[in-house]
Amino acid sequence: MSRGRLAVCAAVLVVALAAGFAVYRRGHEQPPYGPEGLGFAVTAELLPSGEQPDGEYHGVQFSTGEGWMAVGGRLTWRPAPESSTDWHDNGWFMIFVVDKRVQLKPNHVWGVSSTGIRVVAGGDAVQNRVAEEYPWLRAAGDIKVDDNTWLGTGTCLSTSPATGEVTFVAAFPPVPDGEPERRPVAAAPIALSDIMIAVAYIGTGRQVYWAERVYG
């Protein structure tokens, strides 16, 4: 085979590989469904402050301290027919409770589901990609201090898209005297009008499918 023909074959192979990768990437990043048909609904309320540090809200056990404020609520949706309770099958939902005044999350969030499907409180590095792709939800990510340092900013909840219902409590401590007003987590005092709740759908390959504001 001549050099010219080899060059043409190589070029065709490169184009074919690039096209194949583009198709794979589009399929990999294409969500199996969007948020529009899931019918997200949220009810939320400020919980009364009590003298006891431990409380219970519709099955959610939580803890607060003196001067703290807490918001309790329930998030519901219609699971897609193909949803699985196994996160490895079709990814997971991340649920963010945000103080939209300062775009920060509380450091204490608890959640349970009456379905028995697990609801996990914590964080994941994929949240930074959520914040990058959806600037209105920048509270999802960490705060960049310098080129090599990031500051963690509170807690969120994660669960399977098949769960369909999560009851939650988010607690907001007061800012202690002598500390700067702005901290990396949301703080009391807070009103319901200050709260935003959002859901992000993360795929099995840790790709961010979409994010949806569902309250506030």
C-alpha atoms as a PDB file:
ATOM      1  CA  MET A   1       0.000   0.000   0.000  1.00  0.00           C
ATOM      2  CA  SER A   2       1.322   3.425  -0.947  1.00  0.00           C
ATOM      3  CA  ARG A   3       2.103   6.088   1.587  1.00  0.00           C
ATOM      4  CA  GLY A   4      -0.717   8.242   0.244  1.00  0.00           C
ATOM      5  CA  ARG A   5      -3.267   5.474   0.702  1.00  0.00           C
ATOM      6  CA  LEU A   6      -1.959   4.771   4.207  1.00  0.00           C
ATOM      7  CA  ALA A   7      -2.344   8.440   5.076  1.00  0.00           C
ATOM      8  CA  VAL A   8      -5.933   8.476   3.779  1.00  0.00           C
ATOM      9  CA  CYS A   9      -6.776   5.302   5.753  1.00  0.00           C
ATOM     10  CA  ALA A  10      -5.255   6.789   8.902  1.00  0.00           C
ATOM     11  CA  ALA A  11      -7.232   9.984   8.486  1.00  0.00           C
ATOM     12  CA  VAL A  12     -10.474   8.042   7.971  1.00  0.00           C
ATOM     13  CA  LEU A  13      -9.729   5.996  11.114  1.00  0.00           C
ATOM     14  CA  VAL A  14      -9.124   9.146  13.170  1.00  0.00           C
ATOM     15  CA  VAL A  15     -12.390  10.682  11.963  1.00  0.00           C
ATOM     16  CA  ALA A  16     -14.290   7.466  12.702  1.00  0.00           C
ATOM     17  CA  LEU A  17     -12.834   7.246  16.201  1.00  0.00           C
ATOM     18  CA  ALA A  18     -13.630  10.884  16.903  1.00  0.00           C
ATOM     19  CA  ALA A  19     -17.194  10.447  15.677  1.00  0.00           C
ATOM     20  CA  GLY A  20     -17.612   7.303  17.764  1.00  0.00           C
ATOM     21  CA  PHE A  21     -16.331   9.087  20.861  1.00  0.00           C
ATOM     22  CA  ALA A  22     -18.703  12.003  20.248  1.00  0.00           C
ATOM     23  CA  VAL A  23     -21.663   9.607  19.983  1.00  0.00           C
ATOM     24  CA  TYR A  24     -20.558   7.808  23.175  1.00  0.00           C
ATOM     25  CA  ARG A  25     -20.129  11.099  25.023  1.00  0.00           C
ATOM     26  CA  ARG A  26     -23.553  12.352  23.978  1.00  0.00           C
ATOM     27  CA  GLY A  27     -25.115   9.082  25.092  1.00  0.00           C
ATOM     28  CA  HIS A  28     -23.129   9.111  28.332  1.00  0.00           C
ATOM     29  CA  GLU A  29     -24.196  12.662  29.178  1.00  0.00           C
ATOM     30  CA  GLN A  30     -27.806  12.360  27.992  1.00  0.00           C
ATOM     31  CA  PRO A  31     -30.110  11.925  30.997  1.00  0.00           C
ATOM     32  CA  PRO A  32     -32.570   9.028  30.851  1.00  0.00           C
ATOM     33  CA  TYR A  33     -35.305  11.538  31.770  1.00  0.00           C
ATOM     34  CA  GLY A  34     -35.648  15.186  32.763  1.00  0.00           C
ATOM     35  CA  PRO A  35     -37.166  16.808  35.851  1.00  0.00           C
ATOM     36  CA  GLU A  36     -40.296  18.025  34.067  1.00  0.00           C
ATOM     37  CA  GLY A  37     -42.391  14.895  34.486  1.00  0.00           C
ATOM     38  CA  LEU A  38     -41.386  14.054  38.039  1.00  0.00           C
ATOM     39  CA  GLY A  39     -43.797  16.482  39.704  1.00  0.00           C
ATOM     40  CA  PHE A  40     -41.480  17.698  42.447  1.00  0.00           C
ATOM     41  CA  ALA A  41     -43.354  19.200  45.420  1.00  0.00           C
ATOM     42  CA  VAL A  42     -42.067  20.558  48.736  1.00  0.00           C
ATOM     43  CA  THR A  43     -43.682  21.546  52.012  1.00  0.00           C
ATOM     44  CA  ALA A  44     -41.524  23.305  54.609  1.00  0.00           C
ATOM     45  CA  GLU A  45     -41.979  24.907  58.022  1.00  0.00           C
ATOM     46  CA  LEU A  46     -39.961  26.488  60.778  1.00  0.00           C
ATOM     47  CA  LEU A  47     -39.793  24.149  63.748  1.00  0.00           C
ATOM     48  CA  PRO A  48     -40.428  25.498  67.242  1.00  0.00           C
ATOM     49  CA  SER A  49     -37.361  26.025  69.386  1.00  0.00           C
ATOM     50  CA  GLY A  50     -37.346  23.739  72.409  1.00  0.00           C
ATOM     51  CA  GLU A  51     -35.291  23.379  75.513  1.00  0.00           C
ATOM     52  CA  GLN A  52     -34.301  19.805  74.627  1.00  0.00           C
ATOM     53  CA  PRO A  53     -31.265  19.439  72.314  1.00  0.00           C
ATOM     54  CA  ASP A  54     -32.731  16.383  70.558  1.00  0.00           C
ATOM     55  CA  GLY A  55     -35.925  16.394  68.548  1.00  0.00           C
ATOM     56  CA  GLU A  56     -38.050  14.310  66.186  1.00  0.00           C
ATOM     57  CA  TYR A  57     -39.912  15.451  63.082  1.00  0.00           C
ATOM     58  CA  HIS A  58     -42.069  12.880  61.281  1.00  0.00           C
ATOM     59  CA  GLY A  59     -39.502  10.165  61.818  1.00  0.00           C
ATOM     60  CA  VAL A  60     -36.408  12.359  61.451  1.00  0.00           C
ATOM     61  CA  GLN A  61     -34.212  12.415  64.557  1.00  0.00           C
ATOM     62  CA  PHE A  62     -32.219  15.648  64.847  1.00  0.00           C
ATOM     63  CA  SER A  63     -30.136  17.651  67.316  1.00  0.00           C
ATOM     64  CA  THR A  64     -29.894  21.386  67.934  1.00  0.00           C
ATOM     65  CA  GLY A  65     -28.389  23.752  70.477  1.00  0.00           C
ATOM     66  CA  GLU A  66     -29.179  27.021  72.198  1.00  0.00           C
ATOM     67  CA  GLY A  67     -30.151  29.719  69.723  1.00  0.00           C
ATOM     68  CA  TRP A  68     -30.399  27.309  66.801  1.00  0.00           C
ATOM     69  CA  MET A  69     -33.220  27.384  64.255  1.00  0.00           C
ATOM     70  CA  ALA A  70     -34.506  24.388  62.312  1.00  0.00           C
ATOM     71  CA  VAL A  71     -36.532  23.928  59.130  1.00  0.00           C
ATOM     72  CA  GLY A  72     -38.469  20.718  58.590  1.00  0.00           C
ATOM     73  CA  GLY A  73     -40.093  19.626  55.378  1.00  0.00           C
ATOM     74  CA  ARG A  74     -41.074  16.934  52.926  1.00  0.00           C
ATOM     75  CA  LEU A  75     -39.962  16.546  49.306  1.00  0.00           C
ATOM     76  CA  THR A  76     -41.967  14.277  47.004  1.00  0.00           C
ATOM     77  CA  TRP A  77     -41.750  13.265  43.352  1.00  0.00           C
ATOM     78  CA  ARG A  78     -43.007  10.605  40.940  1.00  0.00           C
ATOM     79  CA  PRO A  79     -40.178   8.135  40.294  1.00  0.00           C
ATOM     80  CA  ALA A  80     -39.567   7.346  36.637  1.00  0.00           C
ATOM     81  CA  PRO A  81     -40.786   3.840  35.666  1.00  0.00           C
ATOM     82  CA  GLU A  82     -37.230   2.617  35.033  1.00  0.00           C
ATOM     83  CA  SER A  83     -35.872   3.911  38.360  1.00  0.00           C
ATOM     84  CA  SER A  84     -33.931   1.428  40.485  1.00  0.00           C
ATOM     85  CA  THR A  85     -33.235   1.554  44.202  1.00  0.00           C
ATOM     86  CA  ASP A  86     -29.620   0.632  43.411  1.00  0.00           C
ATOM     87  CA  TRP A  87     -27.562   3.766  42.832  1.00  0.00           C
ATOM     88  CA  HIS A  88     -25.191   1.771  40.613  1.00  0.00           C
ATOM     89  CA  ASP A  89     -28.025   1.157  38.135  1.00  0.00           C
ATOM     90  CA  ASN A  90     -29.173   4.680  37.340  1.00  0.00           C
ATOM     91  CA  GLY A  91     -27.410   7.196  39.573  1.00  0.00           C
ATOM     92  CA  TRP A  92     -28.730   9.234  42.478  1.00  0.00           C
ATOM     93  CA  PHE A  93     -30.424  12.481  43.481  1.00  0.00           C
ATOM     94  CA  MET A  94     -28.617  15.080  45.590  1.00  0.00           C
ATOM     95  CA  ILE A  95     -30.932  17.318  47.632  1.00  0.00           C
ATOM     96  CA  PHE A  96     -29.643  20.758  48.620  1.00  0.00           C
ATOM     97  CA  VAL A  97     -31.161  23.005  51.292  1.00  0.00           C
ATOM     98  CA  VAL A  98     -29.704  26.472  50.736  1.00  0.00           C
ATOM     99  CA  ASP A  99     -29.802  29.853  52.447  1.00  0.00           C
ATOM    100  CA  LYS A 100     -30.217  31.812  49.230  1.00  0.00           C
ATOM    101  CA  ARG A 101     -29.283  35.105  50.918  1.00  0.00           C
ATOM    102  CA  VAL A 102     -25.658  34.010  51.126  1.00  0.00           C
ATOM    103  CA  GLN A 103     -25.673  30.909  48.862  1.00  0.00           C
ATOM    104  CA  LEU A 104     -24.575  28.577  51.655  1.00  0.00           C
ATOM    105  CA  LYS A 105     -25.760  25.193  52.924  1.00  0.00           C
ATOM    106  CA  PRO A 106     -26.363  24.294  56.582  1.00  0.00           C
ATOM    107  CA  ASN A 107     -23.850  21.995  58.206  1.00  0.00           C
ATOM    108  CA  HIS A 108     -26.550  19.803  59.743  1.00  0.00           C
ATOM    109  CA  VAL A 109     -29.178  18.111  57.570  1.00  0.00           C
ATOM    110  CA  TRP A 110     -30.992  14.860  58.335  1.00  0.00           C
ATOM    111  CA  GLY A 111     -33.366  12.898  56.130  1.00  0.00           C
ATOM    112  CA  VAL A 112     -35.391   9.686  56.019  1.00  0.00           C
ATOM    113  CA  SER A 113     -37.896   8.139  53.629  1.00  0.00           C
ATOM    114  CA  SER A 114     -41.068   6.263  54.491  1.00  0.00           C
ATOM    115  CA  THR A 115     -40.255   3.948  51.576  1.00  0.00           C
ATOM    116  CA  GLY A 116     -37.339   2.495  53.534  1.00  0.00           C
ATOM    117  CA  ILE A 117     -34.851   3.438  50.809  1.00  0.00           C
ATOM    118  CA  ARG A 118     -31.717   4.888  52.356  1.00  0.00           C
ATOM    119  CA  VAL A 119     -31.156   8.638  52.530  1.00  0.00           C
ATOM    120  CA  VAL A 120     -27.547   9.653  53.199  1.00  0.00           C
ATOM    121  CA  ALA A 121     -26.300  12.945  54.641  1.00  0.00           C
ATOM    122  CA  GLY A 122     -22.845  14.132  53.618  1.00  0.00           C
ATOM    123  CA  GLY A 123     -21.050  15.492  50.587  1.00  0.00           C
ATOM    124  CA  ASP A 124     -19.288  14.481  47.390  1.00  0.00           C
ATOM    125  CA  ALA A 125     -16.756  16.148  45.107  1.00  0.00           C
ATOM    126  CA  VAL A 126     -19.253  16.003  42.229  1.00  0.00           C
ATOM    127  CA  GLN A 127     -21.044  18.894  43.960  1.00  0.00           C
ATOM    128  CA  ASN A 128     -18.382  21.240  42.612  1.00  0.00           C
ATOM    129  CA  ARG A 129     -19.376  20.283  39.064  1.00  0.00           C
ATOM    130  CA  VAL A 130     -22.997  20.981  39.941  1.00  0.00           C
ATOM    131  CA  ALA A 131     -22.002  24.460  41.115  1.00  0.00           C
ATOM    132  CA  GLU A 132     -19.941  25.073  37.959  1.00  0.00           C
ATOM    133  CA  GLU A 133     -22.705  24.016  35.570  1.00  0.00           C
ATOM    134  CA  TYR A 134     -25.534  25.756  37.451  1.00  0.00           C
ATOM    135  CA  PRO A 135     -24.373  29.154  38.799  1.00  0.00           C
ATOM    136  CA  TRP A 136     -27.734  29.723  40.533  1.00  0.00           C
ATOM    137  CA  LEU A 137     -26.805  26.707  42.684  1.00  0.00           C
ATOM    138  CA  ARG A 138     -23.244  27.720  43.481  1.00  0.00           C
ATOM    139  CA  ALA A 139     -23.970  26.818  47.121  1.00  0.00           C
ATOM    140  CA  ALA A 140     -23.700  23.178  46.071  1.00  0.00           C
ATOM    141  CA  GLY A 141     -19.915  23.465  45.748  1.00  0.00           C
ATOM    142  CA  ASP A 142     -17.021  24.304  48.002  1.00  0.00           C
ATOM    143  CA  ILE A 143     -15.552  27.784  48.395  1.00  0.00           C
ATOM    144  CA  LYS A 144     -12.234  28.279  46.591  1.00  0.00           C
ATOM    145  CA  VAL A 145      -9.772  29.956  48.963  1.00  0.00           C
ATOM    146  CA  ASP A 146      -6.753  29.883  46.624  1.00  0.00           C
ATOM    147  CA  ASP A 147      -5.414  27.808  43.729  1.00  0.00           C
ATOM    148  CA  ASN A 148      -4.920  24.718  45.870  1.00  0.00           C
ATOM    149  CA  THR A 149      -7.337  25.183  48.762  1.00  0.00           C
ATOM    150  CA  TRP A 150     -11.076  24.631  48.953  1.00  0.00           C
ATOM    151  CA  LEU A 151     -13.296  25.171  51.977  1.00  0.00           C
ATOM    152  CA  GLY A 152     -16.147  22.733  52.581  1.00  0.00           C
ATOM    153  CA  THR A 153     -19.564  24.360  52.801  1.00  0.00           C
ATOM    154  CA  GLY A 154     -22.143  22.297  54.619  1.00  0.00           C
ATOM    155  CA  THR A 155     -24.108  19.131  54.011  1.00  0.00           C
ATOM    156  CA  CYS A 156     -26.639  17.785  51.539  1.00  0.00           C
ATOM    157  CA  LEU A 157     -28.764  14.640  51.232  1.00  0.00           C
ATOM    158  CA  SER A 158     -28.446  11.878  48.648  1.00  0.00           C
ATOM    159  CA  THR A 159     -30.871   9.124  47.714  1.00  0.00           C
ATOM    160  CA  SER A 160     -32.058   6.948  44.844  1.00  0.00           C
ATOM    161  CA  PRO A 161     -34.332   8.483  42.181  1.00  0.00           C
ATOM    162  CA  ALA A 162     -36.721   5.631  43.015  1.00  0.00           C
ATOM    163  CA  THR A 163     -37.271   6.896  46.567  1.00  0.00           C
ATOM    164  CA  GLY A 164     -40.115   9.281  45.712  1.00  0.00           C
ATOM    165  CA  GLU A 165     -40.328  10.898  49.162  1.00  0.00           C
ATOM    166  CA  VAL A 166     -37.862  12.367  51.658  1.00  0.00           C
ATOM    167  CA  THR A 167     -38.635  14.024  54.971  1.00  0.00           C
ATOM    168  CA  PHE A 168     -35.846  16.304  56.144  1.00  0.00           C
ATOM    169  CA  VAL A 169     -34.686  18.665  58.863  1.00  0.00           C
ATOM    170  CA  ALA A 170     -32.023  21.334  58.345  1.00  0.00           C
ATOM    171  CA  ALA A 171     -30.541  23.048  61.421  1.00  0.00           C
ATOM    172  CA  PHE A 172     -28.933  26.487  61.496  1.00  0.00           C
ATOM    173  CA  PRO A 173     -26.713  27.440  64.450  1.00  0.00           C
ATOM    174  CA  PRO A 174     -26.229  31.076  65.448  1.00  0.00           C
ATOM    175  CA  VAL A 175     -22.955  32.809  64.679  1.00  0.00           C
ATOM    176  CA  PRO A 176     -21.032  32.937  67.996  1.00  0.00           C
ATOM    177  CA  ASP A 177     -19.928  36.306  69.310  1.00  0.00           C
ATOM    178  CA  GLY A 178     -16.524  37.291  68.023  1.00  0.00           C
ATOM    179  CA  GLU A 179     -16.731  35.233  64.815  1.00  0.00           C
ATOM    180  CA  PRO A 180     -16.966  36.888  61.396  1.00  0.00           C
ATOM    181  CA  GLU A 181     -20.470  37.296  60.047  1.00  0.00           C
ATOM    182  CA  ARG A 182     -19.755  35.244  56.948  1.00  0.00           C
ATOM    183  CA  ARG A 183     -18.970  31.620  57.615  1.00  0.00           C
ATOM    184  CA  PRO A 184     -18.747  28.675  55.201  1.00  0.00           C
ATOM    185  CA  VAL A 185     -22.123  27.345  56.407  1.00  0.00           C
ATOM    186  CA  ALA A 186     -25.593  28.865  56.666  1.00  0.00           C
ATOM    187  CA  ALA A 187     -26.507  30.244  60.107  1.00  0.00           C
ATOM    188  CA  ALA A 188     -29.449  31.531  62.153  1.00  0.00           C
ATOM    189  CA  PRO A 189     -31.494  33.645  62.193  1.00  0.00           C
ATOM    190  CA  ILE A 190     -33.334  32.422  59.104  1.00  0.00           C
ATOM    191  CA  ALA A 191     -36.864  32.635  57.657  1.00  0.00           C
ATOM    192  CA  LEU A 192     -38.688  30.311  55.281  1.00  0.00           C
ATOM    193  CA  SER A 193     -38.453  33.004  52.627  1.00  0.00           C
ATOM    194  CA  ASP A 194     -34.648  32.636  52.793  1.00  0.00           C
ATOM    195  CA  ILE A 195     -34.743  28.923  51.932  1.00  0.00           C
ATOM    196  CA  MET A 196     -34.169  27.388  48.509  1.00  0.00           C
ATOM    197  CA  ILE A 197     -34.295  23.646  47.868  1.00  0.00           C
ATOM    198  CA  ALA A 198     -32.826  22.070  44.736  1.00  0.00           C
ATOM    199  CA  VAL A 199     -32.361  18.565  43.363  1.00  0.00           C
ATOM    200  CA  ALA A 200     -29.451  17.476  41.148  1.00  0.00           C
ATOM    201  CA  TYR A 201     -29.433  14.203  39.226  1.00  0.00           C
ATOM    202  CA  ILE A 202     -26.019  12.502  39.162  1.00  0.00           C
ATOM    203  CA  GLY A 203     -25.364   9.621  36.752  1.00  0.00           C
ATOM    204  CA  THR A 204     -23.556   6.368  37.419  1.00  0.00           C
ATOM    205  CA  GLY A 205     -20.455   7.828  35.747  1.00  0.00           C
ATOM    206  CA  ARG A 206     -20.659  10.817  38.120  1.00  0.00           C
ATOM    207  CA  GLN A 207     -21.892  13.053  35.321  1.00  0.00           C
ATOM    208  CA  VAL A 208     -24.286  15.869  36.219  1.00  0.00           C
ATOM    209  CA  TYR A 209     -27.475  15.227  34.276  1.00  0.00           C
ATOM    210  CA  TRP A 210     -29.492  18.209  35.498  1.00  0.00           C
ATOM    211  CA  ALA A 211     -30.385  20.386  38.481  1.00  0.00           C
ATOM    212  CA  GLU A 212     -33.830  21.721  39.345  1.00  0.00           C
ATOM    213  CA  ARG A 213     -35.008  24.340  41.844  1.00  0.00           C
ATOM    214  CA  VAL A 214     -38.015  22.798  43.615  1.00  0.00           C
ATOM    215  CA  TYR A 215     -38.658  25.325  46.398  1.00  0.00           C
ATOM    216  CA  GLY A 216     -37.907  29.009  46.948  1.00  0.00           C
END
